[in-house]
């Protein structure tokens, strides 16, 4: 996971500011990109089913790119807000669910998809609940690649080899559920005093 954190750091320090400067010329409102991300994810499902898997993958890649830029846009333009933060987190759950639908359509076993989806929803919930109780939960657990792992969208990229996609999905589901257990143990331990 150290490699993921280094890549994230490189993106946030070098790529995101340049991309935000470029995109702010099109529209300085970061919420436009936040709202466009789940729209692209939703469009990926019919594209996958009725056009081609490649069209679906391109829309998933667009959705991931839009999601990756909205926070940078908010910081670059000085338009970071509580509303934007709320919209980003909430709409990320919509996109994540749609990425899981794409994995199911691609042929990943339904139980694996359900394990990824349910664990992926619980990880950020545990953080939010723990922090509402005054605990610092960010970064706790094996899954440190981000609070909201975007693994379903990334896994979709490997669907042209369904065995590789399913193996990756199983590995990620295991990591996410280990993180659920670790965060739960941490929160319970802290609350017991």
Protein backbone atom coordinates (compact mmCIF):
# COMPACT_ATOMS: atom_id res chain seq x y z
CA UNK A 1 0.00 0.00 0.00
CA UNK A 2 3.05 2.29 0.32
CA UNK A 3 3.26 2.47 -3.49
CA UNK A 4 -0.37 3.59 -3.65
CA UNK A 5 0.29 6.33 -1.10
CA UNK A 6 3.36 7.51 -3.04
CA UNK A 7 1.37 7.61 -6.28
CA UNK A 8 -1.41 9.49 -4.51
CA UNK A 9 1.13 11.97 -3.13
CA UNK A 10 2.65 12.47 -6.60
CA UNK A 11 -0.79 12.99 -8.11
CA UNK A 12 -1.84 15.48 -5.43
CA UNK A 13 1.43 17.43 -5.52
CA UNK A 14 2.28 17.42 -9.24
CA UNK A 15 -0.58 16.32 -11.47
CA UNK A 16 -3.74 17.58 -9.75
CA UNK A 17 -2.74 21.27 -9.53
CA UNK A 18 -1.84 21.39 -13.24
CA UNK A 19 -5.00 19.55 -14.23
CA UNK A 20 -7.10 21.82 -12.01
CA UNK A 21 -5.55 24.93 -13.58
CA UNK A 22 -6.37 23.62 -17.05
CA UNK A 23 -9.93 22.54 -16.23
CA UNK A 24 -10.76 25.69 -14.29
CA UNK A 25 -10.72 27.49 -17.64
CA UNK A 26 -13.68 25.36 -18.77
CA UNK A 27 -15.60 25.90 -15.54
CA UNK A 28 -14.28 27.05 -12.16
CA UNK A 29 -17.09 25.22 -10.32
CA UNK A 30 -15.72 21.93 -8.92
CA UNK A 31 -19.25 20.66 -8.25
CA UNK A 32 -19.71 20.28 -12.01
CA UNK A 33 -17.03 17.57 -12.00
CA UNK A 34 -18.45 16.01 -8.83
CA UNK A 35 -21.88 15.71 -10.46
CA UNK A 36 -20.50 14.51 -13.79
CA UNK A 37 -18.62 11.56 -12.28
CA UNK A 38 -21.68 9.43 -11.36
CA UNK A 39 -23.37 10.44 -14.62
CA UNK A 40 -20.43 8.93 -16.54
CA UNK A 41 -20.54 5.84 -14.29
CA UNK A 42 -24.27 5.43 -14.93
CA UNK A 43 -23.77 5.82 -18.68
CA UNK A 44 -21.14 3.07 -18.57
CA UNK A 45 -23.74 0.38 -17.77
CA UNK A 46 -25.90 0.73 -20.92
CA UNK A 47 -22.77 1.41 -22.97
CA UNK A 48 -21.30 -1.87 -21.73
CA UNK A 49 -24.51 -3.80 -22.35
CA UNK A 50 -25.60 -2.33 -25.67
CA UNK A 51 -22.49 -0.90 -27.32
CA UNK A 52 -19.30 -2.65 -26.18
CA UNK A 53 -17.26 -3.33 -23.04
CA UNK A 54 -14.66 -0.89 -24.37
CA UNK A 55 -17.24 1.93 -24.41
CA UNK A 56 -18.24 1.05 -20.86
CA UNK A 57 -14.61 1.01 -19.73
CA UNK A 58 -13.96 4.42 -21.29
CA UNK A 59 -16.92 5.88 -19.38
CA UNK A 60 -15.71 4.27 -16.13
CA UNK A 61 -12.26 5.75 -16.74
CA UNK A 62 -13.87 9.14 -17.35
CA UNK A 63 -15.88 8.80 -14.13
CA UNK A 64 -12.72 7.99 -12.14
CA UNK A 65 -10.86 10.91 -13.73
CA UNK A 66 -13.68 13.34 -12.96
CA UNK A 67 -13.78 12.16 -9.36
CA UNK A 68 -10.02 12.51 -9.06
CA UNK A 69 -10.08 16.15 -10.15
CA UNK A 70 -12.99 17.72 -8.24
CA UNK A 71 -11.14 18.11 -4.93
CA UNK A 72 -8.10 19.56 -6.67
CA UNK A 73 -10.39 21.96 -8.52
CA UNK A 74 -12.00 23.05 -5.25
CA UNK A 75 -8.61 23.77 -3.68
CA UNK A 76 -7.17 25.44 -6.78
CA UNK A 77 -10.12 27.76 -7.31
CA UNK A 78 -10.61 28.48 -3.60
CA UNK A 79 -14.14 27.08 -3.82
CA UNK A 80 -13.80 24.24 -1.31
CA UNK A 81 -17.00 24.10 0.72
CA UNK A 82 -18.92 21.90 3.10
CA UNK A 83 -21.56 21.42 0.40
CA UNK A 84 -18.93 20.28 -2.09
CA UNK A 85 -17.45 17.88 0.44
CA UNK A 86 -20.89 16.43 1.18
CA UNK A 87 -21.75 16.07 -2.52
CA UNK A 88 -18.39 14.46 -3.30
CA UNK A 89 -18.65 11.84 -0.55
CA UNK A 90 -22.30 11.06 -1.25
CA UNK A 91 -21.98 10.83 -5.02
CA UNK A 92 -18.84 8.69 -4.67
CA UNK A 93 -21.09 6.02 -3.10
CA UNK A 94 -23.34 6.17 -6.17
CA UNK A 95 -20.37 5.81 -8.53
CA UNK A 96 -18.87 3.00 -6.45
CA UNK A 97 -22.14 1.08 -6.61
CA UNK A 98 -22.27 1.51 -10.39
CA UNK A 99 -18.67 0.29 -10.73
CA UNK A 100 -19.72 -2.86 -8.86
CA UNK A 101 -22.63 -3.33 -11.27
CA UNK A 102 -20.12 -3.14 -14.13
CA UNK A 103 -17.99 -5.84 -12.50
CA UNK A 104 -21.05 -8.06 -12.17
CA UNK A 105 -21.95 -7.48 -15.82
CA UNK A 106 -18.35 -8.31 -16.78
CA UNK A 107 -18.70 -11.71 -15.13
CA UNK A 108 -17.13 -11.37 -11.69
CA UNK A 109 -18.90 -13.76 -9.31
CA UNK A 110 -21.89 -12.06 -7.58
CA UNK A 111 -20.69 -13.03 -4.08
CA UNK A 112 -17.32 -11.40 -4.73
CA UNK A 113 -19.04 -8.26 -6.02
CA UNK A 114 -21.30 -8.18 -2.92
CA UNK A 115 -18.30 -8.65 -0.60
CA UNK A 116 -16.48 -5.76 -2.27
CA UNK A 117 -19.54 -3.50 -2.26
CA UNK A 118 -20.60 -4.12 1.32
CA UNK A 119 -17.08 -3.84 2.72
CA UNK A 120 -16.40 -0.76 0.62
CA UNK A 121 -19.46 0.93 2.10
CA UNK A 122 -18.64 -0.07 5.68
CA UNK A 123 -15.02 1.19 5.68
CA UNK A 124 -15.95 4.89 5.29
CA UNK A 125 -18.98 4.45 7.55
CA UNK A 126 -16.73 3.22 10.37
CA UNK A 127 -14.48 6.25 9.88
CA UNK A 128 -17.43 8.66 9.93
CA UNK A 129 -19.04 7.04 12.96
CA UNK A 130 -15.75 6.74 14.86
CA UNK A 131 -14.87 10.37 14.17
CA UNK A 132 -18.37 11.49 15.22
CA UNK A 133 -17.54 9.84 18.55
CA UNK A 134 -14.27 11.79 18.81
CA UNK A 135 -11.85 9.12 17.55
CA UNK A 136 -9.21 9.48 14.82
CA UNK A 137 -9.96 6.59 12.45
CA UNK A 138 -8.39 7.83 9.18
CA UNK A 139 -5.55 5.55 8.10
CA UNK A 140 -6.50 2.70 10.45
CA UNK A 141 -6.38 -0.74 8.88
CA UNK A 142 -4.71 -2.45 5.94
CA UNK A 143 -6.56 -0.49 3.29
CA UNK A 144 -4.65 2.80 3.39
CA UNK A 145 -4.94 3.62 -0.29
CA UNK A 146 -7.69 6.10 0.47
CA UNK A 147 -10.71 6.32 2.66
CA UNK A 148 -12.97 5.49 -0.24
CA UNK A 149 -11.09 2.90 -2.26
CA UNK A 150 -11.89 3.22 -5.95
CA UNK A 151 -10.95 -0.41 -6.57
CA UNK A 152 -14.15 -1.43 -8.42
CA UNK A 153 -13.52 1.07 -11.19
CA UNK A 154 -9.87 0.13 -11.36
CA UNK A 155 -10.73 -3.57 -11.38
CA UNK A 156 -13.05 -2.99 -14.34
CA UNK A 157 -10.02 -2.09 -16.41
CA UNK A 158 -8.85 -5.71 -16.14
CA UNK A 159 -12.11 -7.31 -17.31
CA UNK A 160 -10.66 -8.43 -20.60
CA UNK A 161 -9.07 -11.15 -18.49
CA UNK A 162 -11.93 -12.19 -16.25
CA UNK A 163 -9.76 -14.56 -14.17
CA UNK A 164 -7.36 -11.70 -13.37
CA UNK A 165 -10.27 -9.37 -12.62
CA UNK A 166 -11.87 -11.91 -10.28
CA UNK A 167 -8.55 -12.65 -8.52
CA UNK A 168 -7.99 -8.91 -8.01
CA UNK A 169 -11.57 -8.50 -6.79
CA UNK A 170 -11.14 -11.33 -4.25
CA UNK A 171 -7.87 -9.85 -2.98
CA UNK A 172 -9.40 -6.39 -2.61
CA UNK A 173 -12.51 -7.77 -0.88
CA UNK A 174 -10.25 -9.55 1.62
CA UNK A 175 -8.21 -6.38 2.28
CA UNK A 176 -11.35 -4.30 2.72
CA UNK A 177 -12.94 -6.77 5.16
CA UNK A 178 -9.69 -7.03 7.15
CA UNK A 179 -9.82 -3.22 7.38
CA UNK A 180 -13.44 -3.41 8.58
CA UNK A 181 -12.34 -5.79 11.33
CA UNK A 182 -9.32 -3.67 12.28
CA UNK A 183 -11.34 -0.46 12.49
CA UNK A 184 -14.09 -2.16 14.46
CA UNK A 185 -11.59 -3.58 16.96
CA UNK A 186 -9.91 -0.16 17.28
CA UNK A 187 -13.19 1.71 17.84
CA UNK A 188 -14.52 -0.84 20.34
CA UNK A 189 -11.21 -0.80 22.21
CA UNK A 190 -11.14 2.99 22.41
CA UNK A 191 -14.77 3.24 23.51
CA UNK A 192 -14.28 0.65 26.27
CA UNK A 193 -11.48 2.84 27.59
